[in-house]
């Protein structure tokens, strides 16, 4: 599971749907207000990653860091 903002989500979908790459990864466009619950639900059955989790961006970084132990994973 990869939670992504719109700028990353669309190219990732292109890679999956047109190029046929990593179709095993679910790429989700989730608004900041739903990210923590969405990640909690997904984490029950699979690893969860956030694309480009940088300060001041689209992601609910504070909420995700409160709910999870967030660690850099490098290239996923």
PDB file of N, CA and C in Angstrom:
ATOM      1  N   UNK A   1       0.858  -1.163   0.000  1.00  0.00           N
ATOM      2  CA  UNK A   1       0.000   0.000   0.000  1.00  0.00           C
ATOM      3  C   UNK A   1       0.902   1.222   0.000  1.00  0.00           C
ATOM      4  N   UNK A   2       0.663   2.119  -0.919  1.00  0.00           N
ATOM      5  CA  UNK A   2       1.409   3.364  -0.995  1.00  0.00           C
ATOM      6  C   UNK A   2       0.420   4.514  -1.017  1.00  0.00           C
ATOM      7  N   UNK A   3       0.459   5.345   0.021  1.00  0.00           N
ATOM      8  CA  UNK A   3      -0.385   6.539   0.070  1.00  0.00           C
ATOM      9  C   UNK A   3       0.387   7.658  -0.607  1.00  0.00           C
ATOM     10  N   UNK A   4      -0.235   8.274  -1.600  1.00  0.00           N
ATOM     11  CA  UNK A   4       0.463   9.278  -2.392  1.00  0.00           C
ATOM     12  C   UNK A   4      -0.404  10.510  -2.611  1.00  0.00           C
ATOM     13  N   UNK A   5       0.255  11.649  -2.788  1.00  0.00           N
ATOM     14  CA  UNK A   5      -0.491  12.846  -3.176  1.00  0.00           C
ATOM     15  C   UNK A   5      -0.704  12.812  -4.693  1.00  0.00           C
ATOM     16  N   UNK A   6      -1.483  13.755  -5.204  1.00  0.00           N
ATOM     17  CA  UNK A   6      -1.868  13.731  -6.610  1.00  0.00           C
ATOM     18  C   UNK A   6      -0.667  13.803  -7.551  1.00  0.00           C
ATOM     19  N   UNK A   7       0.357  14.591  -7.213  1.00  0.00           N
ATOM     20  CA  UNK A   7       1.498  14.744  -8.106  1.00  0.00           C
ATOM     21  C   UNK A   7       2.294  13.456  -8.276  1.00  0.00           C
ATOM     22  N   UNK A   8       2.262  12.589  -7.292  1.00  0.00           N
ATOM     23  CA  UNK A   8       2.967  11.310  -7.355  1.00  0.00           C
ATOM     24  C   UNK A   8       2.008  10.200  -7.793  1.00  0.00           C
ATOM     25  N   UNK A   9       0.770  10.274  -7.360  1.00  0.00           N
ATOM     26  CA  UNK A   9      -0.230   9.242  -7.633  1.00  0.00           C
ATOM     27  C   UNK A   9      -0.433   9.021  -9.127  1.00  0.00           C
ATOM     28  N   UNK A  10      -0.612  10.098  -9.869  1.00  0.00           N
ATOM     29  CA  UNK A  10      -0.905   9.965 -11.293  1.00  0.00           C
ATOM     30  C   UNK A  10       0.247   9.301 -12.071  1.00  0.00           C
ATOM     31  N   UNK A  11       1.508   9.716 -11.898  1.00  0.00           N
ATOM     32  CA  UNK A  11       2.593   9.011 -12.595  1.00  0.00           C
ATOM     33  C   UNK A  11       2.729   7.548 -12.166  1.00  0.00           C
ATOM     34  N   UNK A  12       2.470   7.256 -10.889  1.00  0.00           N
ATOM     35  CA  UNK A  12       2.545   5.866 -10.437  1.00  0.00           C
ATOM     36  C   UNK A  12       1.458   5.018 -11.095  1.00  0.00           C
ATOM     37  N   UNK A  13       0.267   5.567 -11.235  1.00  0.00           N
ATOM     38  CA  UNK A  13      -0.795   4.837 -11.929  1.00  0.00           C
ATOM     39  C   UNK A  13      -0.422   4.599 -13.387  1.00  0.00           C
ATOM     40  N   UNK A  14       0.205   5.575 -14.007  1.00  0.00           N
ATOM     41  CA  UNK A  14       0.662   5.411 -15.384  1.00  0.00           C
ATOM     42  C   UNK A  14       1.643   4.242 -15.471  1.00  0.00           C
ATOM     43  N   UNK A  15       2.614   4.213 -14.567  1.00  0.00           N
ATOM     44  CA  UNK A  15       3.591   3.126 -14.575  1.00  0.00           C
ATOM     45  C   UNK A  15       2.919   1.766 -14.417  1.00  0.00           C
ATOM     46  N   UNK A  16       1.901   1.690 -13.572  1.00  0.00           N
ATOM     47  CA  UNK A  16       1.196   0.437 -13.365  1.00  0.00           C
ATOM     48  C   UNK A  16       0.339   0.074 -14.569  1.00  0.00           C
ATOM     49  N   UNK A  17      -0.498   0.994 -15.012  1.00  0.00           N
ATOM     50  CA  UNK A  17      -1.502   0.683 -16.017  1.00  0.00           C
ATOM     51  C   UNK A  17      -0.948   0.637 -17.437  1.00  0.00           C
ATOM     52  N   UNK A  18       0.002   1.490 -17.755  1.00  0.00           N
ATOM     53  CA  UNK A  18       0.529   1.536 -19.119  1.00  0.00           C
ATOM     54  C   UNK A  18       1.809   0.723 -19.252  1.00  0.00           C
ATOM     55  N   UNK A  19       2.720   0.892 -18.300  1.00  0.00           N
ATOM     56  CA  UNK A  19       3.999   0.195 -18.369  1.00  0.00           C
ATOM     57  C   UNK A  19       3.959  -1.202 -17.754  1.00  0.00           C
ATOM     58  N   UNK A  20       2.912  -1.489 -16.978  1.00  0.00           N
ATOM     59  CA  UNK A  20       2.768  -2.817 -16.384  1.00  0.00           C
ATOM     60  C   UNK A  20       3.689  -3.081 -15.208  1.00  0.00           C
ATOM     61  N   UNK A  21       4.172  -2.029 -14.564  1.00  0.00           N
ATOM     62  CA  UNK A  21       5.103  -2.192 -13.442  1.00  0.00           C
ATOM     63  C   UNK A  21       4.376  -2.247 -12.102  1.00  0.00           C
ATOM     64  N   UNK A  22       4.841  -3.085 -11.217  1.00  0.00           N
ATOM     65  CA  UNK A  22       4.400  -3.187  -9.821  1.00  0.00           C
ATOM     66  C   UNK A  22       2.884  -3.142  -9.642  1.00  0.00           C
ATOM     67  N   UNK A  23       2.208  -3.967 -10.373  1.00  0.00           N
ATOM     68  CA  UNK A  23       0.758  -4.040 -10.225  1.00  0.00           C
ATOM     69  C   UNK A  23       0.346  -4.655  -8.897  1.00  0.00           C
ATOM     70  N   UNK A  24       1.317  -5.191  -8.162  1.00  0.00           N
ATOM     71  CA  UNK A  24       1.047  -5.766  -6.849  1.00  0.00           C
ATOM     72  C   UNK A  24       0.935  -4.703  -5.759  1.00  0.00           C
ATOM     73  N   UNK A  25       1.307  -3.463  -6.076  1.00  0.00           N
ATOM     74  CA  UNK A  25       1.260  -2.367  -5.111  1.00  0.00           C
ATOM     75  C   UNK A  25      -0.029  -1.579  -5.316  1.00  0.00           C
ATOM     76  N   UNK A  26      -0.779  -1.397  -4.239  1.00  0.00           N
ATOM     77  CA  UNK A  26      -1.971  -0.549  -4.316  1.00  0.00           C
ATOM     78  C   UNK A  26      -1.542   0.876  -4.034  1.00  0.00           C
ATOM     79  N   UNK A  27      -1.819   1.772  -4.990  1.00  0.00           N
ATOM     80  CA  UNK A  27      -1.489   3.188  -4.846  1.00  0.00           C
ATOM     81  C   UNK A  27      -2.785   3.922  -4.532  1.00  0.00           C
ATOM     82  N   UNK A  28      -2.825   4.592  -3.389  1.00  0.00           N
ATOM     83  CA  UNK A  28      -4.062   5.234  -2.933  1.00  0.00           C
ATOM     84  C   UNK A  28      -3.884   6.743  -2.817  1.00  0.00           C
ATOM     85  N   UNK A  29      -4.825   7.467  -3.380  1.00  0.00           N
ATOM     86  CA  UNK A  29      -4.896   8.918  -3.219  1.00  0.00           C
ATOM     87  C   UNK A  29      -5.884   9.165  -2.087  1.00  0.00           C
ATOM     88  N   UNK A  30      -5.361   9.541  -0.927  1.00  0.00           N
ATOM     89  CA  UNK A  30      -6.177   9.679   0.285  1.00  0.00           C
ATOM     90  C   UNK A  30      -6.012  11.092   0.826  1.00  0.00           C
ATOM     91  N   UNK A  31      -7.113  11.827   1.053  1.00  0.00           N
ATOM     92  CA  UNK A  31      -6.989  13.183   1.581  1.00  0.00           C
ATOM     93  C   UNK A  31      -6.382  13.172   2.990  1.00  0.00           C
ATOM     94  N   UNK A  32      -5.676  14.232   3.360  1.00  0.00           N
ATOM     95  CA  UNK A  32      -5.001  14.277   4.658  1.00  0.00           C
ATOM     96  C   UNK A  32      -5.891  13.908   5.847  1.00  0.00           C
ATOM     97  N   UNK A  33      -7.130  14.328   5.850  1.00  0.00           N
ATOM     98  CA  UNK A  33      -8.017  14.049   6.969  1.00  0.00           C
ATOM     99  C   UNK A  33      -8.389  12.581   7.135  1.00  0.00           C
ATOM    100  N   UNK A  34      -8.126  11.758   6.129  1.00  0.00           N
ATOM    101  CA  UNK A  34      -8.459  10.332   6.195  1.00  0.00           C
ATOM    102  C   UNK A  34      -7.233   9.430   6.211  1.00  0.00           C
ATOM    103  N   UNK A  35      -6.039  10.001   6.095  1.00  0.00           N
ATOM    104  CA  UNK A  35      -4.828   9.194   5.948  1.00  0.00           C
ATOM    105  C   UNK A  35      -4.540   8.289   7.129  1.00  0.00           C
ATOM    106  N   UNK A  36      -4.703   8.782   8.335  1.00  0.00           N
ATOM    107  CA  UNK A  36      -4.372   7.973   9.514  1.00  0.00           C
ATOM    108  C   UNK A  36      -5.291   6.755   9.588  1.00  0.00           C
ATOM    109  N   UNK A  37      -6.594   6.947   9.483  1.00  0.00           N
ATOM    110  CA  UNK A  37      -7.514   5.812   9.556  1.00  0.00           C
ATOM    111  C   UNK A  37      -7.322   4.869   8.376  1.00  0.00           C
ATOM    112  N   UNK A  38      -7.105   5.410   7.202  1.00  0.00           N
ATOM    113  CA  UNK A  38      -6.884   4.590   6.014  1.00  0.00           C
ATOM    114  C   UNK A  38      -5.636   3.720   6.209  1.00  0.00           C
ATOM    115  N   UNK A  39      -4.562   4.325   6.715  1.00  0.00           N
ATOM    116  CA  UNK A  39      -3.327   3.585   6.955  1.00  0.00           C
ATOM    117  C   UNK A  39      -3.513   2.533   8.042  1.00  0.00           C
ATOM    118  N   UNK A  40      -4.249   2.869   9.095  1.00  0.00           N
ATOM    119  CA  UNK A  40      -4.529   1.878  10.155  1.00  0.00           C
ATOM    120  C   UNK A  40      -5.262   0.672   9.595  1.00  0.00           C
ATOM    121  N   UNK A  41      -6.280   0.927   8.787  1.00  0.00           N
ATOM    122  CA  UNK A  41      -7.054  -0.172   8.199  1.00  0.00           C
ATOM    123  C   UNK A  41      -6.194  -1.021   7.269  1.00  0.00           C
ATOM    124  N   UNK A  42      -5.367  -0.376   6.452  1.00  0.00           N
ATOM    125  CA  UNK A  42      -4.530  -1.099   5.494  1.00  0.00           C
ATOM    126  C   UNK A  42      -3.416  -1.875   6.184  1.00  0.00           C
ATOM    127  N   UNK A  43      -2.886  -1.335   7.279  1.00  0.00           N
ATOM    128  CA  UNK A  43      -1.749  -1.950   7.964  1.00  0.00           C
ATOM    129  C   UNK A  43      -2.081  -3.301   8.586  1.00  0.00           C
ATOM    130  N   UNK A  44      -3.350  -3.605   8.708  1.00  0.00           N
ATOM    131  CA  UNK A  44      -3.756  -4.902   9.254  1.00  0.00           C
ATOM    132  C   UNK A  44      -3.290  -6.041   8.351  1.00  0.00           C
ATOM    133  N   UNK A  45      -3.263  -5.796   7.039  1.00  0.00           N
ATOM    134  CA  UNK A  45      -2.964  -6.886   6.117  1.00  0.00           C
ATOM    135  C   UNK A  45      -1.751  -6.664   5.218  1.00  0.00           C
ATOM    136  N   UNK A  46      -1.113  -5.488   5.297  1.00  0.00           N
ATOM    137  CA  UNK A  46       0.017  -5.234   4.399  1.00  0.00           C
ATOM    138  C   UNK A  46       0.863  -4.073   4.906  1.00  0.00           C
ATOM    139  N   UNK A  47       2.100  -3.974   4.429  1.00  0.00           N
ATOM    140  CA  UNK A  47       2.924  -2.819   4.776  1.00  0.00           C
ATOM    141  C   UNK A  47       2.336  -1.546   4.156  1.00  0.00           C
ATOM    142  N   UNK A  48       2.495  -0.430   4.832  1.00  0.00           N
ATOM    143  CA  UNK A  48       1.985   0.859   4.348  1.00  0.00           C
ATOM    144  C   UNK A  48       3.138   1.836   4.248  1.00  0.00           C
ATOM    145  N   UNK A  49       3.188   2.532   3.124  1.00  0.00           N
ATOM    146  CA  UNK A  49       4.205   3.537   2.885  1.00  0.00           C
ATOM    147  C   UNK A  49       3.529   4.842   2.490  1.00  0.00           C
ATOM    148  N   UNK A  50       4.196   5.946   2.764  1.00  0.00           N
ATOM    149  CA  UNK A  50       3.734   7.254   2.294  1.00  0.00           C
ATOM    150  C   UNK A  50       4.790   7.778   1.335  1.00  0.00           C
ATOM    151  N   UNK A  51       4.345   8.213   0.177  1.00  0.00           N
ATOM    152  CA  UNK A  51       5.282   8.744  -0.810  1.00  0.00           C
ATOM    153  C   UNK A  51       5.672  10.171  -0.427  1.00  0.00           C
ATOM    154  N   UNK A  52       6.943  10.449  -0.408  1.00  0.00           N
ATOM    155  CA  UNK A  52       7.449  11.810  -0.196  1.00  0.00           C
ATOM    156  C   UNK A  52       6.905  12.483   1.057  1.00  0.00           C
ATOM    157  N   UNK A  53       7.021  11.832   2.187  1.00  0.00           N
ATOM    158  CA  UNK A  53       6.516  12.373   3.459  1.00  0.00           C
ATOM    159  C   UNK A  53       7.456  13.470   3.949  1.00  0.00           C
ATOM    160  N   UNK A  54       7.274  14.664   3.415  1.00  0.00           N
ATOM    161  CA  UNK A  54       8.115  15.820   3.744  1.00  0.00           C
ATOM    162  C   UNK A  54       7.301  16.819   4.559  1.00  0.00           C
ATOM    163  N   UNK A  55       7.964  17.583   5.413  1.00  0.00           N
ATOM    164  CA  UNK A  55       7.239  18.611   6.187  1.00  0.00           C
ATOM    165  C   UNK A  55       6.546  19.621   5.272  1.00  0.00           C
ATOM    166  N   UNK A  56       5.357  20.023   5.657  1.00  0.00           N
ATOM    167  CA  UNK A  56       4.624  21.035   4.922  1.00  0.00           C
ATOM    168  C   UNK A  56       3.999  20.572   3.631  1.00  0.00           C
ATOM    169  N   UNK A  57       3.886  19.279   3.439  1.00  0.00           N
ATOM    170  CA  UNK A  57       3.295  18.776   2.206  1.00  0.00           C
ATOM    171  C   UNK A  57       1.882  18.281   2.446  1.00  0.00           C
ATOM    172  N   UNK A  58       1.350  17.572   1.503  1.00  0.00           N
ATOM    173  CA  UNK A  58      -0.019  17.072   1.469  1.00  0.00           C
ATOM    174  C   UNK A  58      -0.358  16.118   2.610  1.00  0.00           C
ATOM    175  N   UNK A  59       0.616  15.500   3.201  1.00  0.00           N
ATOM    176  CA  UNK A  59       0.389  14.414   4.154  1.00  0.00           C
ATOM    177  C   UNK A  59       0.132  14.912   5.571  1.00  0.00           C
ATOM    178  N   UNK A  60      -0.647  14.137   6.310  1.00  0.00           N
ATOM    179  CA  UNK A  60      -0.885  14.402   7.728  1.00  0.00           C
ATOM    180  C   UNK A  60       0.272  13.790   8.508  1.00  0.00           C
ATOM    181  N   UNK A  61       1.417  14.404   8.382  1.00  0.00           N
ATOM    182  CA  UNK A  61       2.625  13.847   8.998  1.00  0.00           C
ATOM    183  C   UNK A  61       2.482  13.693  10.509  1.00  0.00           C
ATOM    184  N   UNK A  62       1.966  14.713  11.172  1.00  0.00           N
ATOM    185  CA  UNK A  62       1.818  14.657  12.633  1.00  0.00           C
ATOM    186  C   UNK A  62       0.892  13.503  13.028  1.00  0.00           C
ATOM    187  N   UNK A  63      -0.222  13.375  12.347  1.00  0.00           N
ATOM    188  CA  UNK A  63      -1.157  12.295  12.651  1.00  0.00           C
ATOM    189  C   UNK A  63      -0.567  10.926  12.388  1.00  0.00           C
ATOM    190  N   UNK A  64       0.138  10.786  11.259  1.00  0.00           N
ATOM    191  CA  UNK A  64       0.758   9.502  10.936  1.00  0.00           C
ATOM    192  C   UNK A  64       1.859   9.150  11.935  1.00  0.00           C
ATOM    193  N   UNK A  65       2.640  10.153  12.356  1.00  0.00           N
ATOM    194  CA  UNK A  65       3.702   9.901  13.328  1.00  0.00           C
ATOM    195  C   UNK A  65       3.153   9.595  14.710  1.00  0.00           C
ATOM    196  N   UNK A  66       1.958  10.080  15.012  1.00  0.00           N
ATOM    197  CA  UNK A  66       1.320   9.762  16.289  1.00  0.00           C
ATOM    198  C   UNK A  66       0.796   8.320  16.278  1.00  0.00           C
ATOM    199  N   UNK A  67       0.273   7.902  15.150  1.00  0.00           N
ATOM    200  CA  UNK A  67      -0.343   6.575  15.051  1.00  0.00           C
ATOM    201  C   UNK A  67       0.662   5.467  14.740  1.00  0.00           C
ATOM    202  N   UNK A  68       1.788   5.813  14.112  1.00  0.00           N
ATOM    203  CA  UNK A  68       2.765   4.820  13.657  1.00  0.00           C
ATOM    204  C   UNK A  68       4.167   5.249  14.007  1.00  0.00           C
ATOM    205  N   UNK A  69       5.053   4.296  13.977  1.00  0.00           N
ATOM    206  CA  UNK A  69       6.481   4.606  14.044  1.00  0.00           C
ATOM    207  C   UNK A  69       6.909   4.808  12.596  1.00  0.00           C
ATOM    208  N   UNK A  70       7.161   6.051  12.229  1.00  0.00           N
ATOM    209  CA  UNK A  70       7.495   6.389  10.844  1.00  0.00           C
ATOM    210  C   UNK A  70       9.003   6.355  10.684  1.00  0.00           C
ATOM    211  N   UNK A  71       9.468   5.559   9.727  1.00  0.00           N
ATOM    212  CA  UNK A  71      10.893   5.449   9.455  1.00  0.00           C
ATOM    213  C   UNK A  71      11.124   5.580   7.951  1.00  0.00           C
ATOM    214  N   UNK A  72      12.204   6.239   7.563  1.00  0.00           N
ATOM    215  CA  UNK A  72      12.531   6.319   6.132  1.00  0.00           C
ATOM    216  C   UNK A  72      12.759   4.924   5.562  1.00  0.00           C
ATOM    217  N   UNK A  73      12.241   4.680   4.382  1.00  0.00           N
ATOM    218  CA  UNK A  73      12.387   3.368   3.764  1.00  0.00           C
ATOM    219  C   UNK A  73      13.218   3.422   2.500  1.00  0.00           C
ATOM    220  N   UNK A  74      13.630   4.606   2.088  1.00  0.00           N
ATOM    221  CA  UNK A  74      14.361   4.708   0.836  1.00  0.00           C
ATOM    222  C   UNK A  74      13.433   4.466  -0.333  1.00  0.00           C
ATOM    223  N   UNK A  75      13.959   3.928  -1.400  1.00  0.00           N
ATOM    224  CA  UNK A  75      13.164   3.655  -2.589  1.00  0.00           C
ATOM    225  C   UNK A  75      12.334   2.400  -2.368  1.00  0.00           C
ATOM    226  N   UNK A  76      11.037   2.530  -2.559  1.00  0.00           N
ATOM    227  CA  UNK A  76      10.144   1.386  -2.393  1.00  0.00           C
ATOM    228  C   UNK A  76       9.711   0.908  -3.752  1.00  0.00           C
TER     229      UNK A  76
END
